[in-house]
Amino acid sequence: MTNGAAIGCAMIALSNLGCSQEDIKKVEREMHQEMDEKTEEEAEKYYQAH
């Protein structure tokens, strides 16, 4: 899955949960930042731990 696809899925999920467009954009920006700073392995490890 590409970064864009992952962000798109997250945005769809947030929209489905009723999050505001403002909050969705905040999450999008944060995801871009984290994807630039973290490896896929670090992100997977965090996901599995939570």
N, C-alpha and C. Protein backbone atom coordinates (compact mmCIF):
# COMPACT_ATOMS: atom_id res chain seq x y z
N MET A 1 0.85 -1.17 0.00
CA MET A 1 0.00 0.00 0.00
C MET A 1 0.90 1.24 0.00
N THR A 2 0.55 2.20 -0.79
CA THR A 2 1.31 3.45 -0.84
C THR A 2 0.92 4.35 0.33
N ASN A 3 1.77 5.35 0.58
CA ASN A 3 1.45 6.32 1.63
C ASN A 3 0.12 7.00 1.32
N GLY A 4 -0.09 7.36 0.06
CA GLY A 4 -1.34 8.03 -0.32
C GLY A 4 -2.55 7.15 -0.07
N ALA A 5 -2.43 5.86 -0.36
CA ALA A 5 -3.54 4.94 -0.12
C ALA A 5 -3.81 4.79 1.37
N ALA A 6 -2.75 4.71 2.17
CA ALA A 6 -2.93 4.59 3.62
C ALA A 6 -3.58 5.84 4.20
N ILE A 7 -3.14 7.00 3.75
CA ILE A 7 -3.74 8.25 4.22
C ILE A 7 -5.19 8.34 3.75
N GLY A 8 -5.45 7.94 2.53
CA GLY A 8 -6.82 7.94 2.02
C GLY A 8 -7.74 7.05 2.84
N CYS A 9 -7.27 5.86 3.19
CA CYS A 9 -8.08 4.95 4.03
C CYS A 9 -8.35 5.58 5.39
N ALA A 10 -7.33 6.20 5.97
CA ALA A 10 -7.52 6.85 7.26
C ALA A 10 -8.53 7.98 7.15
N MET A 11 -8.44 8.76 6.07
CA MET A 11 -9.38 9.87 5.89
C MET A 11 -10.81 9.36 5.73
N ILE A 12 -10.98 8.28 5.00
CA ILE A 12 -12.32 7.69 4.83
C ILE A 12 -12.85 7.23 6.18
N ALA A 13 -12.00 6.53 6.95
CA ALA A 13 -12.42 6.03 8.26
C ALA A 13 -12.81 7.18 9.18
N LEU A 14 -12.02 8.24 9.19
CA LEU A 14 -12.34 9.39 10.03
C LEU A 14 -13.64 10.05 9.60
N SER A 15 -13.85 10.15 8.31
CA SER A 15 -15.10 10.71 7.80
C SER A 15 -16.28 9.85 8.21
N ASN A 16 -16.13 8.52 8.10
CA ASN A 16 -17.19 7.59 8.49
C ASN A 16 -17.52 7.70 9.98
N LEU A 17 -16.53 8.09 10.78
CA LEU A 17 -16.74 8.25 12.22
C LEU A 17 -17.31 9.61 12.58
N GLY A 18 -17.49 10.46 11.58
CA GLY A 18 -18.09 11.77 11.81
C GLY A 18 -17.11 12.86 12.19
N CYS A 19 -15.82 12.65 11.97
CA CYS A 19 -14.83 13.69 12.28
C CYS A 19 -15.00 14.87 11.33
N SER A 20 -14.67 16.04 11.82
CA SER A 20 -14.77 17.24 11.00
C SER A 20 -13.69 17.25 9.93
N GLN A 21 -13.92 18.00 8.87
CA GLN A 21 -12.92 18.14 7.81
C GLN A 21 -11.65 18.76 8.37
N GLU A 22 -11.79 19.67 9.31
CA GLU A 22 -10.62 20.29 9.94
C GLU A 22 -9.77 19.25 10.65
N ASP A 23 -10.43 18.38 11.42
CA ASP A 23 -9.69 17.33 12.13
C ASP A 23 -9.08 16.32 11.16
N ILE A 24 -9.79 15.99 10.10
CA ILE A 24 -9.27 15.06 9.10
C ILE A 24 -8.01 15.64 8.46
N LYS A 25 -8.01 16.92 8.15
CA LYS A 25 -6.83 17.57 7.56
C LYS A 25 -5.66 17.56 8.55
N LYS A 26 -5.96 17.75 9.83
CA LYS A 26 -4.90 17.70 10.85
C LYS A 26 -4.26 16.32 10.88
N VAL A 27 -5.09 15.30 10.83
CA VAL A 27 -4.58 13.92 10.83
C VAL A 27 -3.77 13.67 9.56
N GLU A 28 -4.25 14.15 8.43
CA GLU A 28 -3.51 13.98 7.18
C GLU A 28 -2.11 14.60 7.28
N ARG A 29 -2.03 15.82 7.80
CA ARG A 29 -0.72 16.47 7.94
C ARG A 29 0.18 15.70 8.89
N GLU A 30 -0.39 15.23 9.99
CA GLU A 30 0.40 14.48 10.96
C GLU A 30 0.89 13.16 10.37
N MET A 31 0.04 12.51 9.58
CA MET A 31 0.45 11.25 8.95
C MET A 31 1.60 11.47 7.98
N HIS A 32 1.52 12.54 7.20
CA HIS A 32 2.63 12.85 6.29
C HIS A 32 3.93 13.02 7.07
N GLN A 33 3.86 13.74 8.17
CA GLN A 33 5.05 13.99 8.99
C GLN A 33 5.60 12.68 9.54
N GLU A 34 4.73 11.86 10.11
CA GLU A 34 5.18 10.59 10.69
C GLU A 34 5.73 9.65 9.63
N MET A 35 5.12 9.65 8.45
CA MET A 35 5.62 8.78 7.37
C MET A 35 7.00 9.22 6.90
N ASP A 36 7.30 10.50 7.03
CA ASP A 36 8.63 10.99 6.69
C ASP A 36 9.66 10.65 7.76
N GLU A 37 9.21 10.53 9.01
CA GLU A 37 10.13 10.36 10.14
C GLU A 37 10.28 8.91 10.61
N LYS A 38 9.27 8.09 10.39
CA LYS A 38 9.29 6.71 10.90
C LYS A 38 9.43 5.71 9.75
N THR A 39 10.06 4.58 10.07
CA THR A 39 10.11 3.49 9.10
C THR A 39 8.80 2.71 9.15
N GLU A 40 8.57 1.91 8.13
CA GLU A 40 7.38 1.05 8.13
C GLU A 40 7.42 0.10 9.32
N GLU A 41 8.62 -0.39 9.65
CA GLU A 41 8.76 -1.32 10.77
C GLU A 41 8.41 -0.65 12.09
N GLU A 42 8.83 0.59 12.29
CA GLU A 42 8.50 1.32 13.52
C GLU A 42 6.99 1.52 13.62
N ALA A 43 6.36 1.88 12.52
CA ALA A 43 4.91 2.10 12.52
C ALA A 43 4.16 0.79 12.80
N GLU A 44 4.61 -0.29 12.19
CA GLU A 44 3.97 -1.60 12.42
C GLU A 44 4.14 -2.04 13.87
N LYS A 45 5.31 -1.83 14.43
CA LYS A 45 5.55 -2.19 15.83
C LYS A 45 4.63 -1.40 16.75
N TYR A 46 4.48 -0.10 16.48
CA TYR A 46 3.58 0.72 17.29
C TYR A 46 2.14 0.23 17.16
N TYR A 47 1.72 -0.06 15.94
CA TYR A 47 0.36 -0.56 15.70
C TYR A 47 0.11 -1.85 16.48
N GLN A 48 1.04 -2.78 16.41
CA GLN A 48 0.87 -4.07 17.07
C GLN A 48 0.83 -3.93 18.60
N ALA A 49 1.53 -2.92 19.11
CA ALA A 49 1.57 -2.73 20.56
C ALA A 49 0.32 -2.03 21.11
N HIS A 50 -0.44 -1.42 20.21
CA HIS A 50 -1.61 -0.68 20.68
C HIS A 50 -2.83 -1.29 20.09
